[in-house]
Protein backbone atom coordinates (compact mmCIF):
# COMPACT_ATOMS: atom_id res chain seq x y z
CA UNK A 1 0.00 0.00 0.00
CA UNK A 2 2.87 2.37 0.81
CA UNK A 3 4.50 1.48 -2.51
CA UNK A 4 1.38 2.43 -4.44
CA UNK A 5 1.23 5.83 -2.79
CA UNK A 6 4.84 6.53 -3.79
CA UNK A 7 4.24 5.59 -7.42
CA UNK A 8 1.33 7.97 -7.93
CA UNK A 9 2.28 11.38 -9.17
CA UNK A 10 0.33 14.50 -8.54
CA UNK A 11 -0.91 16.67 -11.42
CA UNK A 12 1.95 19.17 -11.13
CA UNK A 13 4.85 16.72 -10.65
CA UNK A 14 7.32 16.44 -13.53
CA UNK A 15 10.62 14.62 -13.66
CA UNK A 16 13.68 16.69 -14.42
CA UNK A 17 16.06 14.85 -16.78
CA UNK A 18 18.97 17.06 -15.76
CA UNK A 19 18.80 15.72 -12.23
CA UNK A 20 19.07 12.14 -13.49
CA UNK A 21 21.91 13.06 -15.86
CA UNK A 22 23.79 14.69 -13.00
CA UNK A 23 23.28 11.66 -10.77
CA UNK A 24 24.53 9.41 -13.59
CA UNK A 25 27.58 11.64 -14.09
CA UNK A 26 28.45 11.60 -10.38
CA UNK A 27 28.08 7.81 -10.39
CA UNK A 28 30.40 7.58 -13.39
CA UNK A 29 32.93 9.77 -11.59
CA UNK A 30 32.87 7.40 -8.63
CA UNK A 31 33.19 4.28 -10.75
CA UNK A 32 35.97 5.78 -12.87
CA UNK A 33 37.87 6.70 -9.71
CA UNK A 34 37.34 3.54 -7.64
CA UNK A 35 37.82 0.77 -10.20
CA UNK A 36 41.50 1.56 -10.98
CA UNK A 37 42.26 2.04 -7.28
CA UNK A 38 40.75 -1.32 -6.31
CA UNK A 39 42.29 -3.18 -9.25
CA UNK A 40 45.77 -1.81 -8.58
CA UNK A 41 45.41 -2.37 -4.83
CA UNK A 42 44.35 -6.00 -5.21
CA UNK A 43 47.13 -6.59 -7.73
CA UNK A 44 49.58 -5.05 -5.26
CA UNK A 45 48.31 -7.24 -2.40
CA UNK A 46 48.61 -10.33 -4.60
CA UNK A 47 52.14 -9.40 -5.68
CA UNK A 48 53.16 -8.62 -2.09
CA UNK A 49 52.01 -12.09 -0.98
CA UNK A 50 53.72 -13.84 -3.89
CA UNK A 51 56.99 -11.92 -3.57
CA UNK A 52 57.05 -11.53 0.22
CA UNK A 53 57.26 -7.73 0.11
CA UNK A 54 55.24 -4.97 1.77
CA UNK A 55 55.55 -1.93 -0.49
CA UNK A 56 54.19 -2.91 -3.92
CA UNK A 57 50.58 -2.44 -2.82
CA UNK A 58 51.27 1.14 -1.72
CA UNK A 59 52.95 1.99 -5.01
CA UNK A 60 50.18 0.44 -7.08
CA UNK A 61 47.53 2.15 -4.93
CA UNK A 62 48.96 5.56 -5.84
CA UNK A 63 49.25 4.55 -9.50
CA UNK A 64 45.56 3.56 -9.39
CA UNK A 65 44.62 6.85 -7.72
CA UNK A 66 46.46 8.87 -10.37
CA UNK A 67 44.92 6.88 -13.23
CA UNK A 68 41.46 7.20 -11.65
CA UNK A 69 41.92 10.94 -11.31
CA UNK A 70 42.99 11.13 -14.94
CA UNK A 71 39.89 9.14 -15.96
CA UNK A 72 37.66 11.58 -14.08
CA UNK A 73 39.49 14.51 -15.70
CA UNK A 74 38.93 13.06 -19.18
CA UNK A 75 35.27 12.35 -18.45
CA UNK A 76 34.63 15.85 -17.14
CA UNK A 77 36.54 17.38 -20.06
CA UNK A 78 34.36 15.44 -22.50
CA UNK A 79 31.23 16.40 -20.56
CA UNK A 80 32.08 20.09 -20.71
CA UNK A 81 33.33 20.12 -24.31
CA UNK A 82 32.22 23.30 -26.04
CA UNK A 83 31.43 21.69 -29.43
CA UNK A 84 28.83 19.39 -27.93
CA UNK A 85 25.23 20.65 -28.40
CA UNK A 86 24.25 19.25 -25.00
CA UNK A 87 27.13 21.12 -23.39
CA UNK A 88 25.77 24.41 -24.70
CA UNK A 89 22.41 23.50 -23.20
CA UNK A 90 24.05 22.70 -19.86
CA UNK A 91 25.84 26.03 -19.83
CA UNK A 92 22.65 27.98 -20.47
CA UNK A 93 23.44 29.07 -24.02
CA UNK A 94 21.83 28.01 -27.23
CA UNK A 95 23.97 25.83 -29.47
CA UNK A 96 23.45 28.09 -32.46
CA UNK A 97 24.21 31.64 -31.53
CA UNK A 98 23.83 34.34 -34.16
CA UNK A 99 27.61 34.62 -34.60
CA UNK A 100 28.29 30.89 -34.89
CA UNK A 101 25.44 30.02 -37.27
CA UNK A 102 26.60 29.91 -40.88
CA UNK A 103 24.78 29.90 -44.22
CA UNK A 104 25.68 26.22 -44.56
CA UNK A 105 23.81 25.45 -41.32
CA UNK A 106 20.73 27.28 -42.59
CA UNK A 107 20.88 25.34 -45.86
CA UNK A 108 21.10 22.10 -43.92
CA UNK A 109 18.04 23.11 -41.89
CA UNK A 110 16.07 23.71 -45.09
CA UNK A 111 17.08 20.28 -46.41
CA UNK A 112 16.06 18.63 -43.15
CA UNK A 113 12.62 20.21 -43.28
CA UNK A 114 11.91 18.93 -46.82
C-alpha atoms as a PDB file:
ATOM      1  CA  UNK A   1       0.000   0.000   0.000  1.00  0.00           C
ATOM      2  CA  UNK A   2       2.871   2.374   0.809  1.00  0.00           C
ATOM      3  CA  UNK A   3       4.501   1.485  -2.508  1.00  0.00           C
ATOM      4  CA  UNK A   4       1.381   2.427  -4.438  1.00  0.00           C
ATOM      5  CA  UNK A   5       1.226   5.834  -2.792  1.00  0.00           C
ATOM      6  CA  UNK A   6       4.843   6.526  -3.789  1.00  0.00           C
ATOM      7  CA  UNK A   7       4.240   5.593  -7.421  1.00  0.00           C
ATOM      8  CA  UNK A   8       1.326   7.968  -7.925  1.00  0.00           C
ATOM      9  CA  UNK A   9       2.278  11.379  -9.167  1.00  0.00           C
ATOM     10  CA  UNK A  10       0.332  14.502  -8.540  1.00  0.00           C
ATOM     11  CA  UNK A  11      -0.909  16.668 -11.417  1.00  0.00           C
ATOM     12  CA  UNK A  12       1.953  19.170 -11.126  1.00  0.00           C
ATOM     13  CA  UNK A  13       4.848  16.720 -10.648  1.00  0.00           C
ATOM     14  CA  UNK A  14       7.317  16.438 -13.529  1.00  0.00           C
ATOM     15  CA  UNK A  15      10.620  14.619 -13.655  1.00  0.00           C
ATOM     16  CA  UNK A  16      13.682  16.692 -14.423  1.00  0.00           C
ATOM     17  CA  UNK A  17      16.055  14.852 -16.777  1.00  0.00           C
ATOM     18  CA  UNK A  18      18.969  17.064 -15.765  1.00  0.00           C
ATOM     19  CA  UNK A  19      18.803  15.715 -12.229  1.00  0.00           C
ATOM     20  CA  UNK A  20      19.070  12.145 -13.492  1.00  0.00           C
ATOM     21  CA  UNK A  21      21.905  13.056 -15.855  1.00  0.00           C
ATOM     22  CA  UNK A  22      23.794  14.691 -13.002  1.00  0.00           C
ATOM     23  CA  UNK A  23      23.283  11.658 -10.773  1.00  0.00           C
ATOM     24  CA  UNK A  24      24.530   9.413 -13.590  1.00  0.00           C
ATOM     25  CA  UNK A  25      27.577  11.641 -14.085  1.00  0.00           C
ATOM     26  CA  UNK A  26      28.455  11.597 -10.376  1.00  0.00           C
ATOM     27  CA  UNK A  27      28.077   7.809 -10.391  1.00  0.00           C
ATOM     28  CA  UNK A  28      30.401   7.577 -13.391  1.00  0.00           C
ATOM     29  CA  UNK A  29      32.935   9.768 -11.588  1.00  0.00           C
ATOM     30  CA  UNK A  30      32.868   7.404  -8.631  1.00  0.00           C
ATOM     31  CA  UNK A  31      33.189   4.277 -10.746  1.00  0.00           C
ATOM     32  CA  UNK A  32      35.966   5.779 -12.865  1.00  0.00           C
ATOM     33  CA  UNK A  33      37.870   6.700  -9.708  1.00  0.00           C
ATOM     34  CA  UNK A  34      37.339   3.544  -7.637  1.00  0.00           C
ATOM     35  CA  UNK A  35      37.825   0.769 -10.204  1.00  0.00           C
ATOM     36  CA  UNK A  36      41.498   1.557 -10.983  1.00  0.00           C
ATOM     37  CA  UNK A  37      42.262   2.038  -7.284  1.00  0.00           C
ATOM     38  CA  UNK A  38      40.754  -1.319  -6.311  1.00  0.00           C
ATOM     39  CA  UNK A  39      42.293  -3.180  -9.254  1.00  0.00           C
ATOM     40  CA  UNK A  40      45.766  -1.808  -8.580  1.00  0.00           C
ATOM     41  CA  UNK A  41      45.413  -2.373  -4.830  1.00  0.00           C
ATOM     42  CA  UNK A  42      44.349  -6.001  -5.212  1.00  0.00           C
ATOM     43  CA  UNK A  43      47.132  -6.591  -7.733  1.00  0.00           C
ATOM     44  CA  UNK A  44      49.582  -5.048  -5.262  1.00  0.00           C
ATOM     45  CA  UNK A  45      48.313  -7.240  -2.399  1.00  0.00           C
ATOM     46  CA  UNK A  46      48.613 -10.331  -4.598  1.00  0.00           C
ATOM     47  CA  UNK A  47      52.140  -9.404  -5.685  1.00  0.00           C
ATOM     48  CA  UNK A  48      53.156  -8.619  -2.088  1.00  0.00           C
ATOM     49  CA  UNK A  49      52.007 -12.086  -0.977  1.00  0.00           C
ATOM     50  CA  UNK A  50      53.725 -13.837  -3.886  1.00  0.00           C
ATOM     51  CA  UNK A  51      56.993 -11.924  -3.567  1.00  0.00           C
ATOM     52  CA  UNK A  52      57.046 -11.530   0.222  1.00  0.00           C
ATOM     53  CA  UNK A  53      57.264  -7.729   0.106  1.00  0.00           C
ATOM     54  CA  UNK A  54      55.243  -4.973   1.774  1.00  0.00           C
ATOM     55  CA  UNK A  55      55.552  -1.932  -0.489  1.00  0.00           C
ATOM     56  CA  UNK A  56      54.187  -2.906  -3.920  1.00  0.00           C
ATOM     57  CA  UNK A  57      50.578  -2.441  -2.818  1.00  0.00           C
ATOM     58  CA  UNK A  58      51.272   1.136  -1.720  1.00  0.00           C
ATOM     59  CA  UNK A  59      52.953   1.994  -5.015  1.00  0.00           C
ATOM     60  CA  UNK A  60      50.175   0.440  -7.082  1.00  0.00           C
ATOM     61  CA  UNK A  61      47.532   2.151  -4.931  1.00  0.00           C
ATOM     62  CA  UNK A  62      48.961   5.555  -5.840  1.00  0.00           C
ATOM     63  CA  UNK A  63      49.246   4.554  -9.502  1.00  0.00           C
ATOM     64  CA  UNK A  64      45.559   3.562  -9.394  1.00  0.00           C
ATOM     65  CA  UNK A  65      44.616   6.851  -7.725  1.00  0.00           C
ATOM     66  CA  UNK A  66      46.462   8.870 -10.373  1.00  0.00           C
ATOM     67  CA  UNK A  67      44.924   6.882 -13.228  1.00  0.00           C
ATOM     68  CA  UNK A  68      41.465   7.197 -11.649  1.00  0.00           C
ATOM     69  CA  UNK A  69      41.919  10.942 -11.312  1.00  0.00           C
ATOM     70  CA  UNK A  70      42.987  11.129 -14.942  1.00  0.00           C
ATOM     71  CA  UNK A  71      39.888   9.142 -15.957  1.00  0.00           C
ATOM     72  CA  UNK A  72      37.659  11.585 -14.079  1.00  0.00           C
ATOM     73  CA  UNK A  73      39.491  14.507 -15.700  1.00  0.00           C
ATOM     74  CA  UNK A  74      38.935  13.058 -19.182  1.00  0.00           C
ATOM     75  CA  UNK A  75      35.274  12.350 -18.451  1.00  0.00           C
ATOM     76  CA  UNK A  76      34.627  15.854 -17.144  1.00  0.00           C
ATOM     77  CA  UNK A  77      36.535  17.383 -20.060  1.00  0.00           C
ATOM     78  CA  UNK A  78      34.364  15.435 -22.500  1.00  0.00           C
ATOM     79  CA  UNK A  79      31.233  16.401 -20.556  1.00  0.00           C
ATOM     80  CA  UNK A  80      32.083  20.091 -20.713  1.00  0.00           C
ATOM     81  CA  UNK A  81      33.328  20.116 -24.310  1.00  0.00           C
ATOM     82  CA  UNK A  82      32.222  23.298 -26.042  1.00  0.00           C
ATOM     83  CA  UNK A  83      31.434  21.687 -29.428  1.00  0.00           C
ATOM     84  CA  UNK A  84      28.827  19.394 -27.927  1.00  0.00           C
ATOM     85  CA  UNK A  85      25.235  20.648 -28.398  1.00  0.00           C
ATOM     86  CA  UNK A  86      24.252  19.248 -24.996  1.00  0.00           C
ATOM     87  CA  UNK A  87      27.132  21.119 -23.393  1.00  0.00           C
ATOM     88  CA  UNK A  88      25.766  24.413 -24.700  1.00  0.00           C
ATOM     89  CA  UNK A  89      22.411  23.496 -23.196  1.00  0.00           C
ATOM     90  CA  UNK A  90      24.046  22.697 -19.864  1.00  0.00           C
ATOM     91  CA  UNK A  91      25.843  26.032 -19.828  1.00  0.00           C
ATOM     92  CA  UNK A  92      22.647  27.975 -20.473  1.00  0.00           C
ATOM     93  CA  UNK A  93      23.441  29.070 -24.021  1.00  0.00           C
ATOM     94  CA  UNK A  94      21.834  28.010 -27.229  1.00  0.00           C
ATOM     95  CA  UNK A  95      23.966  25.834 -29.470  1.00  0.00           C
ATOM     96  CA  UNK A  96      23.450  28.085 -32.464  1.00  0.00           C
ATOM     97  CA  UNK A  97      24.214  31.641 -31.533  1.00  0.00           C
ATOM     98  CA  UNK A  98      23.833  34.342 -34.157  1.00  0.00           C
ATOM     99  CA  UNK A  99      27.607  34.615 -34.604  1.00  0.00           C
ATOM    100  CA  UNK A 100      28.290  30.887 -34.886  1.00  0.00           C
ATOM    101  CA  UNK A 101      25.440  30.023 -37.275  1.00  0.00           C
ATOM    102  CA  UNK A 102      26.595  29.905 -40.879  1.00  0.00           C
ATOM    103  CA  UNK A 103      24.780  29.896 -44.215  1.00  0.00           C
ATOM    104  CA  UNK A 104      25.682  26.217 -44.562  1.00  0.00           C
ATOM    105  CA  UNK A 105      23.807  25.447 -41.323  1.00  0.00           C
ATOM    106  CA  UNK A 106      20.730  27.283 -42.588  1.00  0.00           C
ATOM    107  CA  UNK A 107      20.878  25.342 -45.860  1.00  0.00           C
ATOM    108  CA  UNK A 108      21.099  22.101 -43.922  1.00  0.00           C
ATOM    109  CA  UNK A 109      18.040  23.113 -41.886  1.00  0.00           C
ATOM    110  CA  UNK A 110      16.073  23.711 -45.089  1.00  0.00           C
ATOM    111  CA  UNK A 111      17.076  20.281 -46.410  1.00  0.00           C
ATOM    112  CA  UNK A 112      16.063  18.630 -43.155  1.00  0.00           C
ATOM    113  CA  UNK A 113      12.618  20.206 -43.278  1.00  0.00           C
ATOM    114  CA  UNK A 114      11.912  18.929 -46.818  1.00  0.00           C
END
